[in-house]
């Protein structure tokens, strides 16, 4: 089962005022960083450094988040980071948290700054694994490795790699917050995060199977 990058255009949704109340101070700081970049050149290291500093407010130092609301970015695939930031900027990824937090955050990022952010986070040491119930991890490993053939759920490792490391636009799942993985699988299943491939592979998963998959990849 592949947590594939989003490619389906999503409809704009009404902005959530609570989320924007949280995000606006950070957005103003990001705008200031990018304003400086317009004068000095969008590929200026100081612009990327300033943008990463703003990102750390939610995603943590070096991309190692302390909250499952915000995914770990450390060690994530460069191509995946770039594609997702472009999707946030273009409003083609519109799941609830993407809409609430990331549309505004990415609005002023140009391609050179996005590339710089992707290079920074992809080069960082991955976050530590999350310990969990061994029986839950074992159940998740079976689904990750073998899939669920009688329901047409493919093995996650067929796209994400045997260690959930990802490749290119296929994201790294290893050491990701289990809570974040669970939320994304639920979003894919309901089409809150619009992606046909992931919708088809997640819609028949049971709640306990989603818990198990998330526990397993988070433990890697």
N, C-alpha and C. Protein backbone atom coordinates (compact mmCIF):
# COMPACT_ATOMS: atom_id res chain seq x y z
N UNK A 1 0.84 -1.19 0.00
CA UNK A 1 0.00 0.00 0.00
C UNK A 1 0.88 1.24 0.00
N UNK A 2 0.69 2.12 -0.95
CA UNK A 2 1.58 3.26 -1.10
C UNK A 2 0.92 4.54 -0.66
N UNK A 3 1.57 5.26 0.23
CA UNK A 3 1.11 6.58 0.61
C UNK A 3 1.60 7.53 -0.47
N UNK A 4 0.90 7.54 -1.60
CA UNK A 4 1.36 8.18 -2.82
C UNK A 4 1.18 9.68 -2.75
N UNK A 5 1.96 10.44 -3.55
CA UNK A 5 1.81 11.88 -3.60
C UNK A 5 0.49 12.26 -4.24
N UNK A 6 -0.07 13.40 -3.83
CA UNK A 6 -1.36 13.83 -4.34
C UNK A 6 -1.21 14.43 -5.72
N UNK A 7 -2.12 14.07 -6.61
CA UNK A 7 -2.11 14.62 -7.96
C UNK A 7 -3.49 15.11 -8.37
N UNK A 8 -4.53 14.83 -7.57
CA UNK A 8 -5.89 15.19 -7.94
C UNK A 8 -6.19 16.60 -7.48
N UNK A 9 -6.67 17.46 -8.42
CA UNK A 9 -7.02 18.83 -8.03
C UNK A 9 -8.16 18.80 -7.03
N UNK A 10 -8.01 19.56 -5.94
CA UNK A 10 -9.02 19.58 -4.88
C UNK A 10 -9.72 20.93 -4.89
N UNK A 11 -10.99 20.93 -4.49
CA UNK A 11 -11.75 22.16 -4.40
C UNK A 11 -11.30 22.95 -3.18
N UNK A 12 -11.28 24.28 -3.33
CA UNK A 12 -10.98 25.12 -2.16
C UNK A 12 -12.06 24.94 -1.11
N UNK A 13 -11.64 25.02 0.16
CA UNK A 13 -12.58 24.92 1.26
C UNK A 13 -12.50 26.19 2.09
N UNK A 14 -13.56 26.39 2.88
CA UNK A 14 -13.59 27.57 3.74
C UNK A 14 -12.49 27.50 4.76
N UNK A 15 -11.73 28.57 4.88
CA UNK A 15 -10.61 28.57 5.82
C UNK A 15 -11.11 28.46 7.26
N UNK A 16 -10.36 27.71 8.08
CA UNK A 16 -10.74 27.52 9.47
C UNK A 16 -10.17 28.65 10.31
N UNK A 17 -11.00 29.48 10.94
CA UNK A 17 -10.49 30.65 11.66
C UNK A 17 -9.57 30.30 12.81
N UNK A 18 -9.81 29.17 13.50
CA UNK A 18 -8.93 28.81 14.61
C UNK A 18 -7.54 28.52 14.11
N UNK A 19 -7.45 27.75 13.02
CA UNK A 19 -6.15 27.43 12.46
C UNK A 19 -5.39 28.66 12.02
N UNK A 20 -6.11 29.59 11.41
CA UNK A 20 -5.45 30.81 10.96
C UNK A 20 -5.01 31.69 12.11
N UNK A 21 -5.76 31.65 13.19
CA UNK A 21 -5.33 32.40 14.37
C UNK A 21 -4.00 31.89 14.87
N UNK A 22 -3.78 30.56 14.74
CA UNK A 22 -2.50 29.98 15.14
C UNK A 22 -1.43 30.28 14.11
N UNK A 23 -1.81 30.21 12.83
CA UNK A 23 -0.82 30.24 11.76
C UNK A 23 -0.39 31.63 11.34
N UNK A 24 -1.23 32.64 11.53
CA UNK A 24 -0.93 33.96 10.98
C UNK A 24 0.39 34.55 11.47
N UNK A 25 0.72 34.47 12.77
CA UNK A 25 2.01 35.04 13.17
C UNK A 25 3.18 34.39 12.45
N UNK A 26 3.10 33.09 12.24
CA UNK A 26 4.16 32.41 11.52
C UNK A 26 4.16 32.81 10.06
N UNK A 27 2.98 32.98 9.47
CA UNK A 27 2.88 33.40 8.08
C UNK A 27 3.51 34.76 7.86
N UNK A 28 3.28 35.69 8.79
CA UNK A 28 3.89 37.01 8.65
C UNK A 28 5.42 36.91 8.66
N UNK A 29 5.94 36.04 9.52
CA UNK A 29 7.40 35.86 9.56
C UNK A 29 7.90 35.27 8.25
N UNK A 30 7.16 34.33 7.69
CA UNK A 30 7.56 33.72 6.44
C UNK A 30 7.52 34.73 5.30
N UNK A 31 6.51 35.59 5.30
CA UNK A 31 6.43 36.62 4.27
C UNK A 31 7.63 37.55 4.34
N UNK A 32 8.05 37.87 5.57
CA UNK A 32 9.22 38.73 5.72
C UNK A 32 10.46 38.07 5.15
N UNK A 33 10.62 36.77 5.42
CA UNK A 33 11.77 36.04 4.90
C UNK A 33 11.78 36.05 3.38
N UNK A 34 10.62 35.82 2.78
CA UNK A 34 10.56 35.77 1.32
C UNK A 34 10.64 37.15 0.71
N UNK A 35 10.19 38.18 1.43
CA UNK A 35 10.36 39.53 0.93
C UNK A 35 11.83 39.87 0.79
N UNK A 36 12.63 39.44 1.76
CA UNK A 36 14.07 39.66 1.68
C UNK A 36 14.63 38.91 0.48
N UNK A 37 14.08 37.72 0.21
CA UNK A 37 14.58 36.92 -0.89
C UNK A 37 14.34 37.57 -2.23
N UNK A 38 13.24 38.33 -2.37
CA UNK A 38 12.96 39.00 -3.62
C UNK A 38 14.03 40.04 -3.94
N UNK A 39 14.66 40.60 -2.93
CA UNK A 39 15.71 41.60 -3.13
C UNK A 39 17.06 40.94 -3.37
N UNK A 40 17.32 39.82 -2.75
CA UNK A 40 18.64 39.22 -2.78
C UNK A 40 18.75 38.04 -3.73
N UNK A 41 17.60 37.60 -4.31
CA UNK A 41 17.62 36.41 -5.13
C UNK A 41 16.95 35.28 -4.38
N UNK A 42 16.00 34.60 -5.05
CA UNK A 42 15.19 33.61 -4.36
C UNK A 42 15.98 32.41 -3.90
N UNK A 43 17.18 32.21 -4.48
CA UNK A 43 17.98 31.06 -4.07
C UNK A 43 18.99 31.41 -3.00
N UNK A 44 18.85 32.58 -2.42
CA UNK A 44 19.79 33.02 -1.39
C UNK A 44 19.66 32.11 -0.17
N UNK A 45 20.78 31.68 0.36
CA UNK A 45 20.78 30.77 1.50
C UNK A 45 20.04 31.36 2.70
N UNK A 46 20.11 32.66 2.86
CA UNK A 46 19.45 33.27 4.02
C UNK A 46 17.93 33.12 3.93
N UNK A 47 17.39 33.11 2.71
CA UNK A 47 15.95 32.93 2.55
C UNK A 47 15.56 31.52 2.95
N UNK A 48 16.32 30.53 2.50
CA UNK A 48 16.03 29.15 2.86
C UNK A 48 16.18 28.96 4.36
N UNK A 49 17.26 29.52 4.93
CA UNK A 49 17.46 29.40 6.38
C UNK A 49 16.29 30.03 7.14
N UNK A 50 15.82 31.18 6.70
CA UNK A 50 14.70 31.83 7.37
C UNK A 50 13.42 31.02 7.24
N UNK A 51 13.21 30.42 6.09
CA UNK A 51 12.02 29.61 5.87
C UNK A 51 12.06 28.37 6.76
N UNK A 52 13.21 27.72 6.83
CA UNK A 52 13.35 26.54 7.69
C UNK A 52 13.11 26.92 9.14
N UNK A 53 13.59 28.09 9.53
CA UNK A 53 13.36 28.54 10.92
C UNK A 53 11.87 28.64 11.20
N UNK A 54 11.11 29.17 10.25
CA UNK A 54 9.66 29.26 10.42
C UNK A 54 9.03 27.86 10.46
N UNK A 55 9.49 26.98 9.58
CA UNK A 55 8.95 25.61 9.56
C UNK A 55 9.15 24.91 10.91
N UNK A 56 10.26 25.23 11.57
CA UNK A 56 10.57 24.55 12.84
C UNK A 56 9.55 24.86 13.93
N UNK A 57 8.78 25.93 13.76
CA UNK A 57 7.76 26.26 14.75
C UNK A 57 6.76 25.12 14.92
N UNK A 58 6.50 24.39 13.85
CA UNK A 58 5.57 23.25 13.92
C UNK A 58 6.28 21.91 13.74
N UNK A 59 7.24 21.87 12.83
CA UNK A 59 7.87 20.60 12.47
C UNK A 59 9.10 20.27 13.31
N UNK A 60 9.46 21.17 14.22
CA UNK A 60 10.53 20.88 15.14
C UNK A 60 11.91 21.15 14.58
N UNK A 61 12.89 21.20 15.48
CA UNK A 61 14.27 21.44 15.09
C UNK A 61 14.75 20.31 14.18
N UNK A 62 15.29 20.66 13.04
CA UNK A 62 15.80 19.66 12.10
C UNK A 62 14.71 18.80 11.50
N UNK A 63 13.44 19.21 11.63
CA UNK A 63 12.35 18.45 11.04
C UNK A 63 11.88 17.29 11.89
N UNK A 64 12.23 17.30 13.18
CA UNK A 64 11.81 16.23 14.09
C UNK A 64 10.71 16.80 14.99
N UNK A 65 9.49 16.58 14.56
CA UNK A 65 8.31 17.15 15.21
C UNK A 65 8.02 16.46 16.53
N UNK A 66 7.43 17.21 17.45
CA UNK A 66 7.04 16.61 18.73
C UNK A 66 5.53 16.35 18.79
N UNK A 67 4.80 16.71 17.74
CA UNK A 67 3.35 16.55 17.72
C UNK A 67 2.93 15.75 16.49
N UNK A 68 2.04 14.76 16.65
CA UNK A 68 1.58 13.99 15.49
C UNK A 68 0.74 14.80 14.52
N UNK A 69 0.31 15.99 14.92
CA UNK A 69 -0.38 16.87 13.98
C UNK A 69 0.53 17.26 12.84
N UNK A 70 1.83 17.39 13.15
CA UNK A 70 2.80 17.86 12.17
C UNK A 70 3.81 16.75 11.89
N UNK A 71 3.93 16.32 10.65
CA UNK A 71 4.80 15.17 10.36
C UNK A 71 6.27 15.48 10.54
N UNK A 72 7.03 14.44 10.85
CA UNK A 72 8.48 14.55 10.78
C UNK A 72 8.90 14.79 9.33
N UNK A 73 9.81 15.71 9.13
CA UNK A 73 10.34 15.98 7.80
C UNK A 73 11.79 15.51 7.67
N UNK A 74 12.43 15.26 8.79
CA UNK A 74 13.84 14.85 8.77
C UNK A 74 14.01 13.54 8.00
N UNK A 75 14.89 13.56 7.02
CA UNK A 75 15.17 12.36 6.24
C UNK A 75 14.12 12.03 5.20
N UNK A 76 13.11 12.88 5.05
CA UNK A 76 12.08 12.63 4.04
C UNK A 76 12.67 12.78 2.63
N UNK A 77 12.07 12.12 1.67
CA UNK A 77 12.54 12.19 0.30
C UNK A 77 12.43 13.61 -0.25
N UNK A 78 13.52 14.08 -0.86
CA UNK A 78 13.54 15.44 -1.42
C UNK A 78 12.39 15.67 -2.39
N UNK A 79 12.20 14.75 -3.33
CA UNK A 79 11.18 14.93 -4.35
C UNK A 79 9.78 15.01 -3.75
N UNK A 80 9.55 14.23 -2.70
CA UNK A 80 8.24 14.25 -2.06
C UNK A 80 8.00 15.59 -1.36
N UNK A 81 9.00 16.10 -0.65
CA UNK A 81 8.85 17.39 0.02
C UNK A 81 8.54 18.48 -1.00
N UNK A 82 9.28 18.48 -2.10
CA UNK A 82 9.07 19.50 -3.13
C UNK A 82 7.66 19.41 -3.70
N UNK A 83 7.24 18.20 -4.03
CA UNK A 83 5.91 18.04 -4.62
C UNK A 83 4.80 18.47 -3.67
N UNK A 84 4.94 18.14 -2.38
CA UNK A 84 3.90 18.51 -1.43
C UNK A 84 3.87 20.02 -1.19
N UNK A 85 5.02 20.67 -1.10
CA UNK A 85 5.04 22.12 -0.93
C UNK A 85 4.42 22.82 -2.14
N UNK A 86 4.69 22.31 -3.33
CA UNK A 86 4.07 22.88 -4.52
C UNK A 86 2.56 22.67 -4.50
N UNK A 87 2.13 21.50 -4.02
CA UNK A 87 0.69 21.21 -3.94
C UNK A 87 0.01 22.10 -2.91
N UNK A 88 0.68 22.37 -1.78
CA UNK A 88 0.13 23.31 -0.80
C UNK A 88 0.01 24.71 -1.42
N UNK A 89 1.06 25.12 -2.09
CA UNK A 89 1.08 26.45 -2.69
C UNK A 89 -0.01 26.60 -3.75
N UNK A 90 -0.22 25.53 -4.52
CA UNK A 90 -1.19 25.57 -5.61
C UNK A 90 -2.61 25.19 -5.19
N UNK A 91 -2.76 24.81 -3.93
CA UNK A 91 -4.06 24.39 -3.37
C UNK A 91 -4.58 23.11 -4.02
N UNK A 92 -3.68 22.27 -4.49
CA UNK A 92 -4.10 20.98 -5.04
C UNK A 92 -4.01 19.87 -4.01
N UNK A 93 -3.54 20.18 -2.82
CA UNK A 93 -3.68 19.28 -1.68
C UNK A 93 -4.49 20.03 -0.63
N UNK A 94 -5.63 19.44 -0.25
CA UNK A 94 -6.58 20.21 0.56
C UNK A 94 -7.19 19.41 1.70
N UNK A 95 -6.44 18.44 2.26
CA UNK A 95 -6.94 17.78 3.45
C UNK A 95 -7.00 18.80 4.59
N UNK A 96 -7.75 18.54 5.65
CA UNK A 96 -8.03 19.59 6.63
C UNK A 96 -6.81 20.31 7.19
N UNK A 97 -5.79 19.58 7.64
CA UNK A 97 -4.63 20.26 8.20
C UNK A 97 -3.81 20.97 7.13
N UNK A 98 -3.76 20.39 5.94
CA UNK A 98 -3.07 21.07 4.83
C UNK A 98 -3.73 22.41 4.57
N UNK A 99 -5.03 22.42 4.52
CA UNK A 99 -5.77 23.65 4.26
C UNK A 99 -5.58 24.66 5.40
N UNK A 100 -5.68 24.18 6.63
CA UNK A 100 -5.62 25.08 7.78
C UNK A 100 -4.24 25.69 7.97
N UNK A 101 -3.21 24.87 7.84
CA UNK A 101 -1.86 25.33 8.15
C UNK A 101 -1.01 25.66 6.91
N UNK A 102 -1.05 24.78 5.91
CA UNK A 102 -0.01 24.84 4.89
C UNK A 102 -0.33 25.69 3.67
N UNK A 103 -1.58 25.93 3.37
CA UNK A 103 -1.88 26.80 2.24
C UNK A 103 -1.25 28.17 2.45
N UNK A 104 -1.44 28.73 3.62
CA UNK A 104 -0.86 30.04 3.90
C UNK A 104 0.64 30.00 4.02
N UNK A 105 1.17 28.93 4.64
CA UNK A 105 2.61 28.83 4.82
C UNK A 105 3.35 28.77 3.50
N UNK A 106 2.76 28.09 2.51
CA UNK A 106 3.46 27.88 1.25
C UNK A 106 3.13 28.92 0.19
N UNK A 107 2.21 29.83 0.49
CA UNK A 107 1.68 30.73 -0.53
C UNK A 107 2.76 31.56 -1.23
N UNK A 108 3.79 31.98 -0.50
CA UNK A 108 4.79 32.88 -1.07
C UNK A 108 6.11 32.17 -1.40
N UNK A 109 6.14 30.86 -1.30
CA UNK A 109 7.39 30.14 -1.59
C UNK A 109 7.58 30.00 -3.09
N UNK A 110 8.74 30.44 -3.58
CA UNK A 110 9.04 30.20 -4.99
C UNK A 110 9.74 28.85 -5.14
N UNK A 111 9.95 28.42 -6.37
CA UNK A 111 10.50 27.09 -6.61
C UNK A 111 11.90 26.92 -6.03
N UNK A 112 12.72 27.96 -6.11
CA UNK A 112 14.08 27.85 -5.60
C UNK A 112 14.08 27.67 -4.08
N UNK A 113 13.18 28.39 -3.38
CA UNK A 113 13.10 28.25 -1.94
C UNK A 113 12.57 26.87 -1.56
N UNK A 114 11.59 26.39 -2.30
CA UNK A 114 11.06 25.04 -2.06
C UNK A 114 12.16 24.01 -2.24
N UNK A 115 12.95 24.13 -3.29
CA UNK A 115 14.07 23.20 -3.48
C UNK A 115 15.04 23.26 -2.31
N UNK A 116 15.32 24.46 -1.83
CA UNK A 116 16.24 24.60 -0.72
C UNK A 116 15.71 23.96 0.55
N UNK A 117 14.43 24.13 0.81
CA UNK A 117 13.81 23.50 1.98
C UNK A 117 13.85 21.98 1.84
N UNK A 118 13.56 21.49 0.63
CA UNK A 118 13.62 20.05 0.39
C UNK A 118 15.01 19.49 0.60
N UNK A 119 16.01 20.20 0.12
CA UNK A 119 17.39 19.76 0.31
C UNK A 119 17.77 19.73 1.78
N UNK A 120 17.33 20.73 2.52
CA UNK A 120 17.68 20.79 3.94
C UNK A 120 17.08 19.60 4.70
N UNK A 121 15.79 19.40 4.58
CA UNK A 121 15.14 18.36 5.38
C UNK A 121 15.52 16.95 4.93
N UNK A 122 15.69 16.76 3.65
CA UNK A 122 16.06 15.41 3.18
C UNK A 122 17.45 15.00 3.66
N UNK A 123 18.29 15.99 4.00
CA UNK A 123 19.65 15.70 4.45
C UNK A 123 19.75 15.52 5.96
N UNK A 124 18.66 15.75 6.69
CA UNK A 124 18.70 15.66 8.15
C UNK A 124 18.61 14.21 8.63
N UNK A 125 19.25 13.90 9.76
CA UNK A 125 19.10 12.55 10.34
C UNK A 125 17.65 12.29 10.69
N UNK A 126 17.13 11.12 10.37
CA UNK A 126 15.72 10.83 10.67
C UNK A 126 15.40 10.91 12.14
N UNK A 127 14.13 11.10 12.43
CA UNK A 127 13.66 11.14 13.81
C UNK A 127 13.76 9.75 14.43
N UNK A 128 13.82 9.67 15.74
CA UNK A 128 13.85 8.36 16.40
C UNK A 128 12.54 7.61 16.21
N UNK A 129 12.61 6.30 16.26
CA UNK A 129 11.43 5.46 16.13
C UNK A 129 10.52 5.64 17.34
N UNK A 130 9.24 5.31 17.16
CA UNK A 130 8.27 5.40 18.23
C UNK A 130 7.94 4.01 18.75
N UNK A 131 8.25 3.71 20.00
CA UNK A 131 7.93 2.37 20.52
C UNK A 131 6.41 2.18 20.63
N UNK A 132 5.98 0.93 20.50
CA UNK A 132 4.56 0.64 20.57
C UNK A 132 4.36 -0.78 21.06
N UNK A 133 3.12 -1.22 21.15
CA UNK A 133 2.76 -2.57 21.55
C UNK A 133 3.36 -3.56 20.55
N UNK A 134 4.19 -4.49 20.99
CA UNK A 134 4.83 -5.43 20.07
C UNK A 134 3.84 -6.22 19.22
N UNK A 135 2.69 -6.58 19.79
CA UNK A 135 1.71 -7.34 19.01
C UNK A 135 1.10 -6.49 17.91
N UNK A 136 0.93 -5.20 18.18
CA UNK A 136 0.40 -4.28 17.17
C UNK A 136 1.42 -4.09 16.06
N UNK A 137 2.68 -3.94 16.43
CA UNK A 137 3.75 -3.80 15.44
C UNK A 137 3.83 -5.04 14.57
N UNK A 138 3.73 -6.21 15.19
CA UNK A 138 3.80 -7.46 14.42
C UNK A 138 2.66 -7.56 13.42
N UNK A 139 1.45 -7.17 13.83
CA UNK A 139 0.31 -7.20 12.92
C UNK A 139 0.49 -6.22 11.77
N UNK A 140 1.04 -5.06 12.08
CA UNK A 140 1.29 -4.07 11.04
C UNK A 140 2.35 -4.52 10.05
N UNK A 141 3.35 -5.24 10.54
CA UNK A 141 4.41 -5.73 9.67
C UNK A 141 3.85 -6.69 8.62
N UNK A 142 2.90 -7.52 9.03
CA UNK A 142 2.30 -8.48 8.09
C UNK A 142 1.59 -7.75 6.96
N UNK A 143 0.82 -6.73 7.29
CA UNK A 143 0.11 -5.96 6.25
C UNK A 143 1.10 -5.20 5.39
N UNK A 144 2.09 -4.59 6.03
CA UNK A 144 3.09 -3.82 5.29
C UNK A 144 3.84 -4.71 4.30
N UNK A 145 4.14 -5.93 4.71
CA UNK A 145 4.96 -6.84 3.90
C UNK A 145 4.14 -7.62 2.89
N UNK A 146 2.95 -8.05 3.29
CA UNK A 146 2.16 -8.98 2.45
C UNK A 146 0.86 -8.38 1.92
N UNK A 147 0.38 -7.28 2.47
CA UNK A 147 -0.91 -6.75 2.08
C UNK A 147 -2.04 -7.61 2.64
N UNK A 148 -3.24 -7.40 2.11
CA UNK A 148 -4.41 -8.20 2.49
C UNK A 148 -5.06 -8.64 1.19
N UNK A 149 -4.70 -9.81 0.73
CA UNK A 149 -5.05 -10.24 -0.63
C UNK A 149 -6.55 -10.37 -0.85
N UNK A 150 -7.28 -10.84 0.16
CA UNK A 150 -8.72 -11.07 -0.04
C UNK A 150 -9.52 -9.78 -0.15
N UNK A 151 -8.89 -8.64 0.20
CA UNK A 151 -9.55 -7.34 0.04
C UNK A 151 -8.83 -6.46 -0.97
N UNK A 152 -7.87 -7.01 -1.65
CA UNK A 152 -7.17 -6.26 -2.67
C UNK A 152 -6.27 -5.16 -2.15
N UNK A 153 -5.84 -5.27 -0.90
CA UNK A 153 -4.93 -4.28 -0.32
C UNK A 153 -3.49 -4.72 -0.61
N UNK A 154 -2.74 -3.96 -1.40
CA UNK A 154 -1.38 -4.38 -1.74
C UNK A 154 -0.41 -4.18 -0.59
N UNK A 155 0.73 -4.84 -0.66
CA UNK A 155 1.77 -4.68 0.34
C UNK A 155 2.34 -3.27 0.27
N UNK A 156 2.42 -2.61 1.41
CA UNK A 156 2.98 -1.25 1.46
C UNK A 156 4.40 -1.21 0.93
N UNK A 157 5.17 -2.27 1.23
CA UNK A 157 6.58 -2.28 0.86
C UNK A 157 6.79 -2.30 -0.65
N UNK A 158 5.77 -2.66 -1.41
CA UNK A 158 5.93 -2.71 -2.85
C UNK A 158 6.24 -1.34 -3.44
N UNK A 159 5.81 -0.29 -2.77
CA UNK A 159 6.13 1.07 -3.22
C UNK A 159 7.06 1.80 -2.25
N UNK A 160 6.86 1.60 -0.96
CA UNK A 160 7.60 2.37 0.04
C UNK A 160 8.94 1.75 0.43
N UNK A 161 9.23 0.55 -0.07
CA UNK A 161 10.50 -0.10 0.25
C UNK A 161 10.40 -1.00 1.46
N UNK A 162 11.34 -1.93 1.57
CA UNK A 162 11.25 -2.92 2.63
C UNK A 162 11.43 -2.34 4.02
N UNK A 163 12.03 -1.16 4.11
CA UNK A 163 12.20 -0.49 5.40
C UNK A 163 11.38 0.80 5.48
N UNK A 164 10.40 0.92 4.58
CA UNK A 164 9.53 2.11 4.54
C UNK A 164 10.32 3.39 4.30
N UNK A 165 11.43 3.26 3.56
CA UNK A 165 12.31 4.41 3.34
C UNK A 165 11.83 5.32 2.22
N UNK A 166 10.91 4.83 1.37
CA UNK A 166 10.44 5.63 0.26
C UNK A 166 11.48 5.76 -0.83
N UNK A 167 11.10 6.43 -1.92
CA UNK A 167 12.01 6.67 -3.04
C UNK A 167 11.42 7.74 -3.93
N UNK A 168 12.15 8.84 -4.10
CA UNK A 168 11.67 9.91 -4.98
C UNK A 168 10.38 10.52 -4.47
N UNK A 169 9.33 10.48 -5.29
CA UNK A 169 8.06 11.07 -4.88
C UNK A 169 7.24 10.14 -3.98
N UNK A 170 7.74 8.93 -3.75
CA UNK A 170 7.10 8.03 -2.80
C UNK A 170 7.67 8.34 -1.42
N UNK A 171 6.84 8.76 -0.46
CA UNK A 171 7.39 9.27 0.80
C UNK A 171 7.97 8.21 1.71
N UNK A 172 8.91 8.64 2.51
CA UNK A 172 9.42 7.85 3.62
C UNK A 172 8.34 7.78 4.69
N UNK A 173 8.03 6.57 5.15
CA UNK A 173 7.09 6.38 6.25
C UNK A 173 7.78 5.99 7.55
N UNK A 174 8.98 5.47 7.43
CA UNK A 174 9.71 5.02 8.61
C UNK A 174 9.87 6.17 9.61
N UNK A 175 9.72 5.85 10.88
CA UNK A 175 9.85 6.76 12.01
C UNK A 175 8.89 7.95 11.97
N UNK A 176 7.84 7.84 11.17
CA UNK A 176 6.82 8.89 11.17
C UNK A 176 5.91 8.71 12.38
N UNK A 177 5.33 9.80 12.86
CA UNK A 177 4.39 9.70 13.97
C UNK A 177 3.25 8.75 13.60
N UNK A 178 2.99 7.72 14.40
CA UNK A 178 1.86 6.84 14.10
C UNK A 178 0.54 7.60 13.96
N UNK A 179 0.34 8.60 14.80
CA UNK A 179 -0.90 9.37 14.72
C UNK A 179 -1.05 10.08 13.39
N UNK A 180 0.06 10.55 12.84
CA UNK A 180 0.00 11.23 11.54
C UNK A 180 -0.33 10.24 10.44
N UNK A 181 0.30 9.07 10.47
CA UNK A 181 0.01 8.04 9.46
C UNK A 181 -1.45 7.64 9.53
N UNK A 182 -1.97 7.43 10.73
CA UNK A 182 -3.38 7.07 10.89
C UNK A 182 -4.28 8.14 10.27
N UNK A 183 -4.00 9.39 10.57
CA UNK A 183 -4.84 10.47 10.05
C UNK A 183 -4.82 10.49 8.52
N UNK A 184 -3.64 10.31 7.93
CA UNK A 184 -3.57 10.37 6.47
C UNK A 184 -4.29 9.20 5.82
N UNK A 185 -4.19 8.01 6.39
CA UNK A 185 -4.91 6.86 5.84
C UNK A 185 -6.42 7.08 5.93
N UNK A 186 -6.88 7.65 7.02
CA UNK A 186 -8.30 7.96 7.17
C UNK A 186 -8.71 9.02 6.14
N UNK A 187 -7.86 10.02 5.96
CA UNK A 187 -8.15 11.06 4.96
C UNK A 187 -8.21 10.49 3.55
N UNK A 188 -7.28 9.60 3.23
CA UNK A 188 -7.31 8.97 1.91
C UNK A 188 -8.58 8.15 1.73
N UNK A 189 -8.93 7.39 2.77
CA UNK A 189 -10.10 6.51 2.68
C UNK A 189 -11.38 7.31 2.44
N UNK A 190 -11.48 8.48 3.07
CA UNK A 190 -12.69 9.30 2.95
C UNK A 190 -12.61 10.29 1.79
N UNK A 191 -11.46 10.36 1.13
CA UNK A 191 -11.19 11.33 0.07
C UNK A 191 -11.08 12.76 0.60
N UNK A 192 -10.92 12.92 1.91
CA UNK A 192 -10.61 14.25 2.44
C UNK A 192 -9.26 14.70 1.89
N UNK A 193 -8.35 13.75 1.70
CA UNK A 193 -7.12 14.00 0.96
C UNK A 193 -7.27 13.26 -0.36
N UNK A 194 -7.49 14.00 -1.42
CA UNK A 194 -7.89 13.42 -2.69
C UNK A 194 -6.72 12.76 -3.41
N UNK A 195 -6.78 11.45 -3.51
CA UNK A 195 -5.76 10.68 -4.23
C UNK A 195 -6.40 9.33 -4.57
N UNK A 196 -6.61 9.10 -5.84
CA UNK A 196 -7.35 7.90 -6.25
C UNK A 196 -6.62 6.61 -5.86
N UNK A 197 -5.31 6.59 -6.06
CA UNK A 197 -4.56 5.37 -5.75
C UNK A 197 -4.66 5.04 -4.27
N UNK A 198 -4.41 6.03 -3.43
CA UNK A 198 -4.45 5.77 -2.00
C UNK A 198 -5.87 5.55 -1.48
N UNK A 199 -6.83 6.15 -2.14
CA UNK A 199 -8.22 5.88 -1.76
C UNK A 199 -8.55 4.41 -1.97
N UNK A 200 -8.14 3.88 -3.11
CA UNK A 200 -8.45 2.49 -3.41
C UNK A 200 -7.72 1.53 -2.48
N UNK A 201 -6.54 1.89 -2.02
CA UNK A 201 -5.77 0.99 -1.16
C UNK A 201 -6.09 1.15 0.32
N UNK A 202 -6.75 2.22 0.71
CA UNK A 202 -7.04 2.45 2.13
C UNK A 202 -8.51 2.30 2.49
N UNK A 203 -9.40 2.35 1.53
CA UNK A 203 -10.83 2.41 1.84
C UNK A 203 -11.36 1.15 2.52
N UNK A 204 -10.71 0.02 2.32
CA UNK A 204 -11.18 -1.23 2.91
C UNK A 204 -10.41 -1.64 4.16
N UNK A 205 -9.53 -0.77 4.62
CA UNK A 205 -8.80 -1.07 5.85
C UNK A 205 -9.69 -0.86 7.07
N UNK A 206 -9.61 -1.77 8.00
CA UNK A 206 -10.32 -1.63 9.26
C UNK A 206 -9.53 -0.73 10.21
N UNK A 207 -10.22 -0.19 11.19
CA UNK A 207 -9.58 0.73 12.13
C UNK A 207 -8.36 0.10 12.80
N UNK A 208 -8.50 -1.14 13.24
CA UNK A 208 -7.38 -1.80 13.92
C UNK A 208 -6.21 -2.07 12.97
N UNK A 209 -6.51 -2.24 11.69
CA UNK A 209 -5.44 -2.44 10.71
C UNK A 209 -4.69 -1.14 10.46
N UNK A 210 -5.40 -0.04 10.43
CA UNK A 210 -4.75 1.26 10.30
C UNK A 210 -3.85 1.52 11.50
N UNK A 211 -4.33 1.22 12.71
CA UNK A 211 -3.50 1.36 13.91
C UNK A 211 -2.23 0.52 13.79
N UNK A 212 -2.38 -0.69 13.30
CA UNK A 212 -1.24 -1.61 13.23
C UNK A 212 -0.21 -1.13 12.21
N UNK A 213 -0.65 -0.72 11.05
CA UNK A 213 0.27 -0.22 10.02
C UNK A 213 1.04 0.99 10.56
N UNK A 214 0.31 1.92 11.19
CA UNK A 214 0.93 3.14 11.70
C UNK A 214 1.95 2.80 12.79
N UNK A 215 1.61 1.86 13.66
CA UNK A 215 2.54 1.46 14.72
C UNK A 215 3.79 0.85 14.14
N UNK A 216 3.62 0.03 13.11
CA UNK A 216 4.79 -0.64 12.52
C UNK A 216 5.74 0.35 11.86
N UNK A 217 5.22 1.19 10.97
CA UNK A 217 6.14 2.10 10.27
C UNK A 217 6.75 3.10 11.23
N UNK A 218 5.99 3.49 12.27
CA UNK A 218 6.56 4.41 13.26
C UNK A 218 7.67 3.78 14.08
N UNK A 219 7.70 2.46 14.14
CA UNK A 219 8.71 1.77 14.94
C UNK A 219 10.01 1.50 14.18
N UNK A 220 10.01 1.79 12.88
CA UNK A 220 11.19 1.48 12.06
C UNK A 220 12.30 2.52 12.21
